[in-house]
Amino acid sequence: VWYSPDQDFGGRQSVFAPFFGVPASTLVTTAQLARMGKANVCCLFHYRDPQTHRYRIVFSPVAEGFPSGDDVQDATLINQLLEAGIREQPAQYMWVHRRFKTRPEGASPVY
């Protein structure tokens, strides 16, 4: 199963976890699916090669001890895996996505 865990759907089914050091509304669905299916979880990244115009597919290591049962800890781990993949090719991440549109109570808007 693949889906994009870095989408901000507001407060539904999410917790605040750091994403590049900024609290981000992060879906807990990854942990829920892993728990229900007793599945191992890893991240998949696709990087476009500017010379060949082909894609290279990279899988992260399997997330050890995931899910932990702690939604914030699990969301933080997923964000850390995403950050590692984004750091490989930061220009290829979809920065136009409003990742920080939902803010913790009392926090200033980012946009």
N, C-alpha and C. Protein backbone atom coordinates (compact mmCIF):
# COMPACT_ATOMS: atom_id res chain seq x y z
N VAL A 1 0.85 -1.16 0.00
CA VAL A 1 0.00 0.00 0.00
C VAL A 1 0.90 1.23 0.00
N TRP A 2 0.58 2.21 -0.84
CA TRP A 2 1.32 3.47 -0.86
C TRP A 2 0.34 4.61 -0.65
N TYR A 3 0.75 5.57 0.11
CA TYR A 3 0.05 6.84 0.18
C TYR A 3 1.04 7.88 0.68
N SER A 4 0.68 9.11 0.56
CA SER A 4 1.58 10.22 0.90
C SER A 4 1.29 10.70 2.33
N PRO A 5 2.15 10.35 3.29
CA PRO A 5 1.87 10.71 4.68
C PRO A 5 2.17 12.16 5.04
N ASP A 6 2.66 12.94 4.08
CA ASP A 6 3.02 14.32 4.41
C ASP A 6 1.94 15.33 4.01
N GLN A 7 0.73 14.88 3.82
CA GLN A 7 -0.37 15.78 3.49
C GLN A 7 -0.97 16.33 4.78
N ASP A 8 -1.44 17.57 4.73
CA ASP A 8 -2.05 18.21 5.89
C ASP A 8 -3.56 18.24 5.68
N PHE A 9 -4.26 17.35 6.37
CA PHE A 9 -5.72 17.27 6.27
C PHE A 9 -6.39 17.95 7.46
N GLY A 10 -5.67 18.82 8.13
CA GLY A 10 -6.22 19.48 9.30
C GLY A 10 -6.02 18.61 10.53
N GLY A 11 -6.89 18.76 11.49
CA GLY A 11 -6.74 18.03 12.75
C GLY A 11 -7.25 16.61 12.74
N ARG A 12 -7.94 16.20 11.69
CA ARG A 12 -8.51 14.85 11.65
C ARG A 12 -7.41 13.80 11.51
N GLN A 13 -7.45 12.81 12.37
CA GLN A 13 -6.55 11.67 12.29
C GLN A 13 -5.09 12.10 12.22
N SER A 14 -4.73 13.13 12.99
CA SER A 14 -3.35 13.61 12.94
C SER A 14 -2.90 14.09 14.32
N VAL A 15 -1.60 14.20 14.45
CA VAL A 15 -0.96 14.76 15.64
C VAL A 15 0.10 15.74 15.15
N PHE A 16 0.58 16.60 16.04
CA PHE A 16 1.67 17.49 15.66
C PHE A 16 2.99 16.81 15.96
N ALA A 17 3.82 16.73 14.93
CA ALA A 17 5.15 16.14 15.04
C ALA A 17 6.11 17.02 14.25
N PRO A 18 7.37 17.11 14.67
CA PRO A 18 8.30 17.99 13.96
C PRO A 18 8.59 17.51 12.54
N PHE A 19 8.58 18.46 11.62
CA PHE A 19 8.96 18.22 10.23
C PHE A 19 9.96 19.32 9.90
N PHE A 20 11.24 18.95 9.79
CA PHE A 20 12.32 19.92 9.65
C PHE A 20 12.26 20.96 10.77
N GLY A 21 11.94 20.49 11.98
CA GLY A 21 11.95 21.35 13.15
C GLY A 21 10.72 22.19 13.38
N VAL A 22 9.74 22.08 12.51
CA VAL A 22 8.51 22.87 12.62
C VAL A 22 7.35 21.92 12.93
N PRO A 23 6.54 22.20 13.97
CA PRO A 23 5.39 21.33 14.24
C PRO A 23 4.48 21.25 13.02
N ALA A 24 4.20 20.02 12.59
CA ALA A 24 3.37 19.81 11.41
C ALA A 24 2.27 18.81 11.74
N SER A 25 1.08 19.11 11.28
CA SER A 25 -0.04 18.17 11.42
C SER A 25 0.30 16.94 10.59
N THR A 26 0.49 15.81 11.27
CA THR A 26 0.99 14.60 10.62
C THR A 26 -0.01 13.47 10.81
N LEU A 27 -0.37 12.83 9.73
CA LEU A 27 -1.34 11.74 9.77
C LEU A 27 -0.85 10.58 10.63
N VAL A 28 -1.77 9.95 11.35
CA VAL A 28 -1.44 8.76 12.14
C VAL A 28 -1.82 7.48 11.38
N THR A 29 -2.28 7.65 10.16
CA THR A 29 -2.76 6.52 9.36
C THR A 29 -1.68 5.48 9.10
N THR A 30 -0.45 5.90 8.91
CA THR A 30 0.63 4.94 8.64
C THR A 30 0.71 3.92 9.77
N ALA A 31 0.72 4.40 11.00
CA ALA A 31 0.80 3.50 12.15
C ALA A 31 -0.45 2.64 12.27
N GLN A 32 -1.61 3.23 12.01
CA GLN A 32 -2.86 2.46 12.09
C GLN A 32 -2.87 1.32 11.08
N LEU A 33 -2.48 1.60 9.84
CA LEU A 33 -2.45 0.56 8.81
C LEU A 33 -1.43 -0.52 9.15
N ALA A 34 -0.26 -0.11 9.63
CA ALA A 34 0.77 -1.09 10.00
C ALA A 34 0.30 -1.98 11.13
N ARG A 35 -0.38 -1.39 12.10
CA ARG A 35 -0.88 -2.17 13.23
C ARG A 35 -1.96 -3.15 12.77
N MET A 36 -2.90 -2.68 11.95
CA MET A 36 -4.00 -3.55 11.49
C MET A 36 -3.48 -4.70 10.63
N GLY A 37 -2.52 -4.40 9.77
CA GLY A 37 -2.01 -5.42 8.85
C GLY A 37 -0.77 -6.13 9.33
N LYS A 38 -0.31 -5.78 10.54
CA LYS A 38 0.94 -6.35 11.07
C LYS A 38 2.05 -6.22 10.02
N ALA A 39 2.14 -5.04 9.44
CA ALA A 39 3.04 -4.80 8.31
C ALA A 39 4.31 -4.07 8.73
N ASN A 40 5.38 -4.37 8.02
CA ASN A 40 6.59 -3.57 8.13
C ASN A 40 6.40 -2.31 7.30
N VAL A 41 7.01 -1.22 7.73
CA VAL A 41 6.84 0.06 7.05
C VAL A 41 8.20 0.61 6.62
N CYS A 42 8.24 1.09 5.39
CA CYS A 42 9.41 1.81 4.89
C CYS A 42 8.90 2.93 4.00
N CYS A 43 9.78 3.86 3.69
CA CYS A 43 9.42 4.95 2.77
C CYS A 43 9.99 4.66 1.39
N LEU A 44 9.27 5.07 0.39
CA LEU A 44 9.71 4.95 -1.00
C LEU A 44 9.93 6.37 -1.52
N PHE A 45 11.08 6.56 -2.15
CA PHE A 45 11.40 7.86 -2.75
C PHE A 45 11.70 7.65 -4.22
N HIS A 46 11.28 8.59 -5.04
CA HIS A 46 11.64 8.53 -6.46
C HIS A 46 12.32 9.83 -6.81
N TYR A 47 13.50 9.69 -7.40
CA TYR A 47 14.31 10.84 -7.77
C TYR A 47 14.50 10.85 -9.28
N ARG A 48 14.26 11.99 -9.88
CA ARG A 48 14.41 12.12 -11.33
C ARG A 48 15.84 12.53 -11.64
N ASP A 49 16.47 11.79 -12.57
CA ASP A 49 17.83 12.11 -13.02
C ASP A 49 17.73 13.15 -14.12
N PRO A 50 18.30 14.34 -13.93
CA PRO A 50 18.16 15.40 -14.93
C PRO A 50 18.86 15.10 -16.26
N GLN A 51 19.87 14.24 -16.24
CA GLN A 51 20.57 13.90 -17.49
C GLN A 51 19.80 12.86 -18.31
N THR A 52 19.35 11.80 -17.64
CA THR A 52 18.71 10.70 -18.37
C THR A 52 17.19 10.83 -18.42
N HIS A 53 16.64 11.69 -17.56
CA HIS A 53 15.18 11.86 -17.43
C HIS A 53 14.50 10.58 -16.96
N ARG A 54 15.26 9.72 -16.32
CA ARG A 54 14.71 8.49 -15.74
C ARG A 54 14.60 8.67 -14.23
N TYR A 55 13.86 7.77 -13.63
CA TYR A 55 13.67 7.83 -12.19
C TYR A 55 14.45 6.72 -11.51
N ARG A 56 14.98 7.06 -10.35
CA ARG A 56 15.64 6.08 -9.49
C ARG A 56 14.74 5.91 -8.27
N ILE A 57 14.41 4.68 -7.96
CA ILE A 57 13.55 4.37 -6.82
C ILE A 57 14.43 3.92 -5.66
N VAL A 58 14.19 4.50 -4.49
CA VAL A 58 14.98 4.18 -3.30
C VAL A 58 14.00 3.88 -2.16
N PHE A 59 14.26 2.80 -1.44
CA PHE A 59 13.47 2.45 -0.26
C PHE A 59 14.29 2.75 0.99
N SER A 60 13.64 3.33 1.98
CA SER A 60 14.31 3.53 3.27
C SER A 60 14.41 2.18 3.96
N PRO A 61 15.25 2.09 4.99
CA PRO A 61 15.23 0.87 5.80
C PRO A 61 13.85 0.72 6.46
N VAL A 62 13.52 -0.50 6.82
CA VAL A 62 12.26 -0.75 7.53
C VAL A 62 12.31 -0.01 8.87
N ALA A 63 11.22 0.62 9.22
CA ALA A 63 11.13 1.37 10.48
C ALA A 63 11.07 0.38 11.64
N GLU A 64 12.13 0.27 12.39
CA GLU A 64 12.20 -0.68 13.51
C GLU A 64 11.31 -0.20 14.66
N GLY A 65 10.62 -1.14 15.29
CA GLY A 65 9.77 -0.82 16.44
C GLY A 65 8.56 0.02 16.09
N PHE A 66 8.15 -0.06 14.85
CA PHE A 66 7.02 0.74 14.36
C PHE A 66 5.89 -0.18 13.98
N PRO A 67 4.68 0.09 14.40
CA PRO A 67 4.26 1.19 15.24
C PRO A 67 4.56 0.92 16.71
N SER A 68 4.77 1.98 17.45
CA SER A 68 5.13 1.86 18.86
C SER A 68 3.90 1.90 19.77
N GLY A 69 2.78 2.40 19.23
CA GLY A 69 1.60 2.61 20.07
C GLY A 69 1.47 4.04 20.55
N ASP A 70 2.50 4.84 20.32
CA ASP A 70 2.50 6.26 20.68
C ASP A 70 2.39 7.06 19.38
N ASP A 71 1.23 7.70 19.17
CA ASP A 71 0.99 8.38 17.89
C ASP A 71 2.02 9.46 17.58
N VAL A 72 2.42 10.24 18.58
CA VAL A 72 3.39 11.31 18.34
C VAL A 72 4.75 10.72 17.99
N GLN A 73 5.17 9.70 18.72
CA GLN A 73 6.45 9.04 18.43
C GLN A 73 6.43 8.44 17.02
N ASP A 74 5.34 7.80 16.66
CA ASP A 74 5.25 7.18 15.33
C ASP A 74 5.24 8.23 14.22
N ALA A 75 4.49 9.32 14.42
CA ALA A 75 4.45 10.39 13.42
C ALA A 75 5.82 11.05 13.28
N THR A 76 6.51 11.21 14.40
CA THR A 76 7.86 11.79 14.36
C THR A 76 8.80 10.91 13.57
N LEU A 77 8.72 9.60 13.76
CA LEU A 77 9.58 8.68 13.01
C LEU A 77 9.29 8.76 11.52
N ILE A 78 8.03 8.78 11.13
CA ILE A 78 7.68 8.89 9.71
C ILE A 78 8.24 10.20 9.14
N ASN A 79 8.08 11.30 9.87
CA ASN A 79 8.62 12.57 9.39
C ASN A 79 10.14 12.53 9.26
N GLN A 80 10.81 11.86 10.19
CA GLN A 80 12.27 11.73 10.10
C GLN A 80 12.68 10.94 8.86
N LEU A 81 11.94 9.88 8.56
CA LEU A 81 12.23 9.10 7.34
C LEU A 81 12.03 9.97 6.10
N LEU A 82 10.94 10.73 6.08
CA LEU A 82 10.68 11.63 4.95
C LEU A 82 11.78 12.68 4.83
N GLU A 83 12.18 13.27 5.94
CA GLU A 83 13.23 14.29 5.91
C GLU A 83 14.52 13.73 5.31
N ALA A 84 14.88 12.51 5.69
CA ALA A 84 16.10 11.90 5.16
C ALA A 84 16.02 11.77 3.64
N GLY A 85 14.87 11.34 3.14
CA GLY A 85 14.71 11.21 1.69
C GLY A 85 14.70 12.55 0.98
N ILE A 86 14.08 13.54 1.59
CA ILE A 86 14.03 14.88 1.00
C ILE A 86 15.42 15.49 0.95
N ARG A 87 16.22 15.26 1.98
CA ARG A 87 17.59 15.81 2.00
C ARG A 87 18.44 15.29 0.85
N GLU A 88 18.13 14.11 0.35
CA GLU A 88 18.88 13.55 -0.79
C GLU A 88 18.72 14.41 -2.04
N GLN A 89 17.51 14.92 -2.28
CA GLN A 89 17.21 15.73 -3.46
C GLN A 89 16.19 16.80 -3.07
N PRO A 90 16.59 17.79 -2.29
CA PRO A 90 15.60 18.77 -1.79
C PRO A 90 14.86 19.51 -2.90
N ALA A 91 15.47 19.72 -4.02
CA ALA A 91 14.79 20.45 -5.11
C ALA A 91 13.63 19.65 -5.70
N GLN A 92 13.61 18.34 -5.46
CA GLN A 92 12.57 17.51 -6.04
C GLN A 92 11.37 17.29 -5.11
N TYR A 93 11.44 17.84 -3.90
CA TYR A 93 10.29 17.73 -3.00
C TYR A 93 9.23 18.74 -3.43
N MET A 94 8.00 18.44 -3.15
CA MET A 94 6.88 19.30 -3.54
C MET A 94 6.68 20.41 -2.50
N TRP A 95 7.59 21.37 -2.51
CA TRP A 95 7.57 22.45 -1.52
C TRP A 95 6.34 23.34 -1.65
N VAL A 96 5.66 23.32 -2.77
CA VAL A 96 4.47 24.16 -2.94
C VAL A 96 3.31 23.67 -2.08
N HIS A 97 3.38 22.41 -1.64
CA HIS A 97 2.34 21.88 -0.76
C HIS A 97 2.39 22.63 0.57
N ARG A 98 1.26 23.07 1.04
CA ARG A 98 1.19 23.85 2.28
C ARG A 98 1.24 22.91 3.49
N ARG A 99 2.42 22.40 3.75
CA ARG A 99 2.65 21.40 4.80
C ARG A 99 2.31 21.91 6.19
N PHE A 100 2.39 23.21 6.41
CA PHE A 100 2.22 23.77 7.75
C PHE A 100 0.97 24.64 7.87
N LYS A 101 -0.07 24.33 7.08
CA LYS A 101 -1.27 25.18 7.12
C LYS A 101 -2.05 24.99 8.42
N THR A 102 -2.06 23.79 8.99
CA THR A 102 -2.70 23.56 10.28
C THR A 102 -1.65 23.78 11.36
N ARG A 103 -1.94 24.65 12.30
CA ARG A 103 -0.97 25.03 13.32
C ARG A 103 -1.45 24.60 14.70
N PRO A 104 -0.50 24.34 15.61
CA PRO A 104 -0.91 24.06 16.99
C PRO A 104 -1.64 25.27 17.57
N GLU A 105 -2.50 25.02 18.52
CA GLU A 105 -3.27 26.10 19.14
C GLU A 105 -2.32 27.18 19.67
N GLY A 106 -2.59 28.42 19.30
CA GLY A 106 -1.79 29.55 19.75
C GLY A 106 -0.57 29.86 18.89
N ALA A 107 -0.25 28.99 17.94
CA ALA A 107 0.92 29.22 17.07
C ALA A 107 0.56 30.20 15.96
N SER A 108 1.52 30.99 15.57
CA SER A 108 1.31 31.94 14.47
C SER A 108 1.22 31.20 13.14
N PRO A 109 0.43 31.72 12.21
CA PRO A 109 0.36 31.09 10.89
C PRO A 109 1.69 31.19 10.16
N VAL A 110 1.99 30.19 9.37
CA VAL A 110 3.22 30.17 8.57
C VAL A 110 2.98 30.87 7.24
N TYR A 111 1.77 30.77 6.71
CA TYR A 111 1.47 31.33 5.39
C TYR A 111 0.65 32.59 5.51
